[in-house]
Amino acid sequence: MQPEPTVLGFDTSAAHCAAALLKNDKDISTVFTEMQKGQVESLFQILETLLKNESTTWDNLSAIGVGIGPGNFTGIRISVSAARGLALSLKIPAIGISNFDIMHAVNQSYCRGNKVKIISLKGPGESAYIQVYKEQMVLYKSTQIFLNKPNIDFLSNQNSIVIGYKAEHLSKEIGCDYIEKCLTKIPQTIVQLSKKRLLGGLETGVRPSPLYIKSADASPQSTLSPSILN
């Protein structure tokens, strides 16, 4: 029997430096430090301390999980660059996890059944980022919408639920159910989803990339993205 993977994950996509270590199947240790700036100087110190406190070394790691956004442009680049560098030097995979996938996974109790799940995250100014799921699959690509005039006619008259930022406001535009939620459990969910994706098999040579979103027309993907959640 193969040993359970040990996964280190981290995220600096917002005003924080967050990290988690998953080992022995279920043991997760986390660090979450709020900071407006200084993530680039603090990240590796936090990771080194986390590994030391858990009696783990870099060589013990099976994979690196990293938050890819959406979020702060510079913060995302810091984490993604660090993850790529670590993966290259340690010869292990780096796995990118989006904030949409985190919000979706954390709120699984509201994501059952055949409803279309519209995950909403806070965007800059009076905007939101949304991504749409159905049956654990990404149905529509991520896009930015503006709250004063959301271009979400393509979602109307569907069996939907909005989960996340300004969910009540968006649900009135669509005519559907909603759950107001904040993005939580970021580092621990990154390592949990990274482990699932690692055990499910990874494409050779695929590296995490920042998820930057601009306003665009949402349209169905030509092929559905592979499920990363159970």
Protein backbone atom coordinates (compact mmCIF):
# COMPACT_ATOMS: atom_id res chain seq x y z
CA MET A 1 0.00 0.00 0.00
CA GLN A 2 1.36 3.40 -0.96
CA PRO A 3 1.76 5.95 1.86
CA GLU A 4 -0.70 8.81 2.01
CA PRO A 5 0.59 11.91 0.18
CA THR A 6 1.92 14.84 2.14
CA VAL A 7 0.77 18.10 0.58
CA LEU A 8 1.88 21.65 1.34
CA GLY A 9 -0.46 24.40 0.17
CA PHE A 10 -0.41 28.19 0.34
CA ASP A 11 -2.21 31.28 -0.87
CA THR A 12 -1.49 35.03 -1.07
CA SER A 13 -4.31 36.05 -3.40
CA ALA A 14 -5.69 38.61 -0.92
CA ALA A 15 -4.49 40.55 2.15
CA HIS A 16 -3.12 37.47 3.87
CA CYS A 17 -0.42 34.83 3.82
CA ALA A 18 -2.04 31.44 4.37
CA ALA A 19 -0.55 27.96 4.41
CA ALA A 20 -1.53 24.40 5.31
CA LEU A 21 0.15 21.01 5.55
CA LEU A 22 -1.80 17.80 5.00
CA LYS A 23 -0.22 14.56 6.17
CA ASN A 24 -1.33 11.15 7.46
CA ASP A 25 -4.52 11.32 5.41
CA LYS A 26 -6.48 13.71 7.64
CA ASP A 27 -4.04 15.73 9.77
CA ILE A 28 -4.08 19.34 8.58
CA SER A 29 -2.08 22.13 10.21
CA THR A 30 -2.78 25.68 9.09
CA VAL A 31 -1.35 29.19 9.35
CA PHE A 32 -3.36 32.27 8.40
CA THR A 33 -1.70 35.65 8.83
CA GLU A 34 -3.46 38.81 7.73
CA MET A 35 -1.15 41.28 5.95
CA GLN A 36 -1.70 44.07 3.46
CA LYS A 37 1.84 43.74 2.09
CA GLY A 38 5.05 41.81 2.68
CA GLN A 39 3.84 38.40 1.50
CA VAL A 40 6.90 37.89 -0.68
CA GLU A 41 9.19 38.35 2.34
CA SER A 42 7.01 36.30 4.70
CA LEU A 43 5.88 33.34 2.62
CA PHE A 44 8.92 31.08 2.87
CA GLN A 45 9.47 31.90 6.52
CA ILE A 46 5.89 30.80 7.23
CA LEU A 47 6.32 27.63 5.16
CA GLU A 48 9.62 26.72 6.85
CA THR A 49 8.09 27.23 10.31
CA LEU A 50 5.02 25.16 9.41
CA LEU A 51 7.15 22.26 8.18
CA LYS A 52 9.43 22.42 11.22
CA ASN A 53 6.52 22.48 13.67
CA GLU A 54 5.09 19.38 12.02
CA SER A 55 8.44 17.54 11.92
CA THR A 56 8.33 17.51 8.12
CA THR A 57 10.98 18.42 5.57
CA TRP A 58 10.75 19.61 1.98
CA ASP A 59 11.86 16.16 0.83
CA ASN A 60 8.81 14.59 2.52
CA LEU A 61 6.37 16.46 0.29
CA SER A 62 4.36 14.70 -2.41
CA ALA A 63 2.87 17.81 -4.01
CA ILE A 64 2.50 21.57 -3.72
CA GLY A 65 -0.96 23.14 -3.79
CA VAL A 66 -1.34 26.83 -4.56
CA GLY A 67 -4.17 29.34 -4.73
CA ILE A 68 -4.41 30.81 -8.24
CA GLY A 69 -7.08 33.45 -7.59
CA PRO A 70 -8.95 35.38 -8.68
CA GLY A 71 -7.69 38.10 -6.40
CA ASN A 72 -4.77 40.48 -6.04
CA PHE A 73 -2.62 40.50 -9.18
CA THR A 74 0.74 40.70 -7.39
CA GLY A 75 -0.24 38.33 -4.60
CA ILE A 76 -1.29 35.63 -7.04
CA ARG A 77 1.98 35.95 -8.95
CA ILE A 78 3.96 35.56 -5.71
CA SER A 79 2.32 32.25 -4.79
CA VAL A 80 2.21 30.77 -8.28
CA SER A 81 5.87 31.61 -8.92
CA ALA A 82 6.86 30.10 -5.57
CA ALA A 83 4.85 26.93 -6.26
CA ARG A 84 6.41 26.48 -9.69
CA GLY A 85 9.90 26.99 -8.30
CA LEU A 86 9.37 24.54 -5.46
CA ALA A 87 7.86 21.92 -7.76
CA LEU A 88 10.81 22.20 -10.12
CA SER A 89 13.44 21.96 -7.40
CA LEU A 90 11.70 19.16 -5.47
CA LYS A 91 10.62 17.28 -8.61
CA ILE A 92 7.01 17.04 -7.45
CA PRO A 93 3.80 18.39 -9.02
CA ALA A 94 2.39 21.84 -8.33
CA ILE A 95 -1.42 21.98 -8.41
CA GLY A 96 -3.41 25.18 -8.86
CA ILE A 97 -6.70 25.58 -6.97
CA SER A 98 -9.02 28.49 -7.70
CA ASN A 99 -11.07 30.42 -5.14
CA PHE A 100 -14.17 29.28 -7.03
CA ASP A 101 -13.28 25.65 -6.34
CA ILE A 102 -12.62 26.49 -2.68
CA MET A 103 -16.01 28.21 -2.27
CA HIS A 104 -17.72 25.34 -4.08
CA ALA A 105 -16.04 22.67 -1.94
CA VAL A 106 -16.59 24.41 1.40
CA ASN A 107 -20.30 24.80 0.66
CA GLN A 108 -20.94 21.26 -0.54
CA SER A 109 -23.99 20.96 1.71
CA TYR A 110 -25.68 23.57 -0.49
CA CYS A 111 -24.37 22.10 -3.74
CA ARG A 112 -26.26 18.82 -3.89
CA GLY A 113 -28.64 17.78 -6.60
CA ASN A 114 -28.96 18.98 -10.16
CA LYS A 115 -29.13 22.70 -9.45
CA VAL A 116 -26.88 25.06 -11.37
CA LYS A 117 -24.50 26.52 -8.79
CA ILE A 118 -23.39 30.11 -9.42
CA ILE A 119 -20.33 30.78 -7.29
CA SER A 120 -19.80 34.50 -6.66
CA LEU A 121 -16.61 36.12 -5.35
CA LYS A 122 -15.87 39.74 -4.55
CA GLY A 123 -14.35 41.64 -7.46
CA PRO A 124 -12.84 45.13 -7.65
CA GLY A 125 -15.18 48.05 -7.04
CA GLU A 126 -18.85 47.26 -7.55
CA SER A 127 -18.24 43.99 -9.34
CA ALA A 128 -18.22 40.27 -8.72
CA TYR A 129 -16.47 37.30 -10.26
CA ILE A 130 -18.70 34.34 -11.04
CA GLN A 131 -18.20 30.78 -12.18
CA VAL A 132 -21.02 28.34 -12.85
CA TYR A 133 -21.08 24.65 -11.94
CA LYS A 134 -23.45 21.79 -12.63
CA GLU A 135 -23.01 18.29 -11.26
CA GLN A 136 -19.47 19.10 -10.07
CA MET A 137 -18.45 20.33 -13.52
CA VAL A 138 -17.68 23.85 -14.70
CA LEU A 139 -20.59 24.83 -16.95
CA TYR A 140 -19.62 28.42 -17.80
CA LYS A 141 -16.17 29.95 -17.74
CA SER A 142 -15.35 32.51 -15.04
CA THR A 143 -16.23 36.11 -15.79
CA GLN A 144 -16.54 39.51 -14.14
CA ILE A 145 -19.97 41.11 -13.80
CA PHE A 146 -20.96 44.57 -12.58
CA LEU A 147 -23.53 44.65 -9.81
CA ASN A 148 -25.41 47.72 -11.07
CA LYS A 149 -26.07 46.01 -14.40
CA PRO A 150 -25.12 42.35 -14.26
CA ASN A 151 -25.02 40.69 -17.66
CA ILE A 152 -26.41 37.36 -16.48
CA ASP A 153 -29.40 36.89 -18.78
CA PHE A 154 -27.86 33.60 -19.87
CA LEU A 155 -28.59 32.22 -16.38
CA SER A 156 -32.25 33.19 -16.24
CA ASN A 157 -35.01 30.62 -15.88
CA GLN A 158 -32.68 27.84 -14.76
CA ASN A 159 -32.86 25.76 -11.61
CA SER A 160 -30.10 27.75 -9.93
CA ILE A 161 -28.65 28.82 -6.60
CA VAL A 162 -26.20 31.67 -6.06
CA ILE A 163 -23.56 31.02 -3.40
CA GLY A 164 -21.16 33.67 -2.13
CA TYR A 165 -20.68 37.41 -2.53
CA LYS A 166 -23.81 39.56 -3.05
CA ALA A 167 -25.76 36.36 -3.54
CA GLU A 168 -29.11 37.89 -2.59
CA HIS A 169 -28.66 40.77 -5.05
CA LEU A 170 -27.72 38.43 -7.90
CA SER A 171 -30.49 35.97 -7.09
CA LYS A 172 -33.09 38.72 -7.59
CA GLU A 173 -31.69 39.35 -11.07
CA ILE A 174 -31.85 35.66 -11.93
CA GLY A 175 -34.95 34.66 -9.97
CA CYS A 176 -33.41 31.82 -7.97
CA ASP A 177 -32.31 30.71 -4.51
CA TYR A 178 -29.24 32.10 -2.78
CA ILE A 179 -26.85 31.59 0.13
CA GLU A 180 -24.72 34.54 1.30
CA LYS A 181 -21.25 33.19 2.11
CA CYS A 182 -17.70 34.51 2.54
CA LEU A 183 -14.61 32.71 1.27
CA THR A 184 -13.27 30.66 4.19
CA LYS A 185 -11.01 27.67 4.96
CA ILE A 186 -8.68 28.66 2.14
CA PRO A 187 -5.39 26.85 2.93
CA GLN A 188 -6.93 23.65 4.29
CA THR A 189 -9.23 23.35 1.28
CA ILE A 190 -6.30 23.93 -1.10
CA VAL A 191 -4.43 20.92 0.32
CA GLN A 192 -7.55 18.75 0.40
CA LEU A 193 -8.44 19.47 -3.22
CA SER A 194 -4.81 19.15 -4.28
CA LYS A 195 -4.65 15.70 -2.75
CA LYS A 196 -7.83 14.63 -4.57
CA ARG A 197 -6.48 15.89 -7.86
CA LEU A 198 -3.10 14.24 -7.24
CA LEU A 199 -4.71 10.87 -6.51
CA GLY A 200 -7.01 11.27 -9.50
CA GLY A 201 -4.06 11.65 -11.88
CA LEU A 202 -2.43 14.75 -13.30
CA GLU A 203 -1.58 15.68 -16.86
CA THR A 204 2.16 15.58 -17.49
CA GLY A 205 3.83 18.97 -17.66
CA VAL A 206 0.80 21.01 -16.57
CA ARG A 207 1.77 23.88 -14.25
CA PRO A 208 -0.46 26.21 -12.22
CA SER A 209 -1.22 29.56 -13.83
CA PRO A 210 -2.74 32.71 -12.32
CA LEU A 211 -6.47 33.10 -12.82
CA TYR A 212 -6.97 36.68 -13.96
CA ILE A 213 -10.49 37.64 -14.97
CA LYS A 214 -11.82 40.48 -17.06
CA SER A 215 -15.36 41.41 -17.95
CA ALA A 216 -16.55 39.22 -20.78
CA ASP A 217 -19.63 37.49 -22.12
CA ALA A 218 -20.12 34.20 -20.36
CA SER A 219 -20.54 31.32 -22.75
CA PRO A 220 -20.66 27.54 -22.40
CA GLN A 221 -17.32 25.82 -22.64
CA SER A 222 -16.83 23.65 -25.72
CA THR A 223 -15.97 20.75 -23.44
CA LEU A 224 -16.74 20.45 -19.77
CA SER A 225 -13.78 20.75 -17.45
CA PRO A 226 -12.84 17.62 -15.50
CA SER A 227 -14.37 17.33 -12.05
CA ILE A 228 -11.97 17.92 -9.17
CA LEU A 229 -14.52 17.36 -6.40
CA ASN A 230 -16.19 14.26 -5.14
